[in-house]
Amino acid sequence: MKKDTLEYRMMQERQRLKIPDSKMLSGSLTGKYPISLDGGRTTIFISDKTKEQEIRLRYESRMGNKLMVSFNKPK
């Protein structure tokens, strides 16, 4: 089989689509700030350093919820 045929070039596995930059950056820690919560057991990364206190309060209120406390118990 000749590799330069139109049929070969049109095969789906030969199609190279450009991956959008937004998808390439998802999961990236570039430009994010780490916040240690729960005595260092939990670390989250946020993009806006000014919202650190708000996120800490939200996390603590969620951990005060009985459902979340029973859900996060170590096994």
Protein backbone atom coordinates (compact mmCIF):
# COMPACT_ATOMS: atom_id res chain seq x y z
CA MET A 1 0.00 0.00 0.00
CA LYS A 2 1.38 3.34 -1.00
CA LYS A 3 1.44 5.70 1.99
CA ASP A 4 0.69 8.87 0.05
CA THR A 5 -2.78 7.96 -1.16
CA LEU A 6 -5.77 10.19 -0.49
CA GLU A 7 -7.49 7.36 1.38
CA TYR A 8 -4.50 7.01 3.72
CA ARG A 9 -4.41 10.75 4.43
CA MET A 10 -8.15 10.88 5.17
CA MET A 11 -8.07 8.12 7.80
CA GLN A 12 -9.23 9.42 11.18
CA GLU A 13 -6.11 8.36 13.04
CA ARG A 14 -4.06 10.47 10.59
CA GLN A 15 -6.07 13.63 11.26
CA ARG A 16 -4.15 15.94 13.59
CA LEU A 17 -6.41 18.53 15.17
CA LYS A 18 -4.98 21.47 17.05
CA ILE A 19 -5.74 21.25 20.75
CA PRO A 20 -7.07 24.61 22.00
CA ASP A 21 -4.83 26.51 24.42
CA SER A 22 -7.62 26.54 27.03
CA LYS A 23 -7.58 22.73 27.12
CA MET A 24 -3.81 22.63 27.30
CA LEU A 25 -3.91 24.87 30.38
CA SER A 26 -6.58 22.93 32.25
CA GLY A 27 -4.87 21.19 35.10
CA SER A 28 -1.91 23.51 34.82
CA LEU A 29 -0.69 25.26 37.96
CA THR A 30 0.74 28.21 36.06
CA GLY A 31 -0.44 31.43 37.69
CA LYS A 32 -2.10 29.63 40.63
CA TYR A 33 -1.42 30.07 44.35
CA PRO A 34 -1.36 27.10 46.78
CA ILE A 35 -3.43 27.19 49.96
CA SER A 36 -2.89 24.57 52.66
CA LEU A 37 -6.04 23.62 54.54
CA ASP A 38 -6.87 21.13 57.27
CA GLY A 39 -3.46 21.26 58.90
CA GLY A 40 -1.63 20.67 55.62
CA ARG A 41 -3.61 17.56 54.65
CA THR A 42 -5.43 19.40 51.87
CA THR A 43 -3.87 21.74 49.34
CA ILE A 44 -5.88 23.65 46.77
CA PHE A 45 -4.71 26.04 44.10
CA ILE A 46 -6.52 29.30 43.38
CA SER A 47 -6.01 31.91 40.70
CA ASP A 48 -6.98 34.92 42.82
CA LYS A 49 -4.85 35.37 45.95
CA THR A 50 -7.28 37.98 47.33
CA LYS A 51 -9.99 35.31 47.82
CA GLU A 52 -7.85 33.14 50.10
CA GLN A 53 -9.70 34.09 53.31
CA GLU A 54 -13.11 33.51 51.71
CA ILE A 55 -12.07 30.05 50.50
CA ARG A 56 -10.70 29.14 53.94
CA LEU A 57 -14.02 30.12 55.55
CA ARG A 58 -16.02 28.13 52.98
CA TYR A 59 -13.81 25.07 53.50
CA GLU A 60 -14.17 25.25 57.28
CA SER A 61 -17.95 25.61 57.04
CA ARG A 62 -18.13 22.56 54.78
CA MET A 63 -16.00 20.53 57.16
CA GLY A 64 -18.36 21.53 59.99
CA ASN A 65 -21.19 19.87 58.09
CA LYS A 66 -21.87 16.40 59.56
CA LEU A 67 -22.30 14.83 56.12
CA MET A 68 -18.90 16.06 54.94
CA VAL A 69 -17.19 15.01 58.19
CA SER A 70 -18.49 11.44 57.89
CA PHE A 71 -17.67 11.39 54.16
CA ASN A 72 -14.04 12.44 54.67
CA LYS A 73 -13.13 10.02 57.48
CA PRO A 74 -9.96 8.06 56.72
CA LYS A 75 -10.55 4.38 56.09
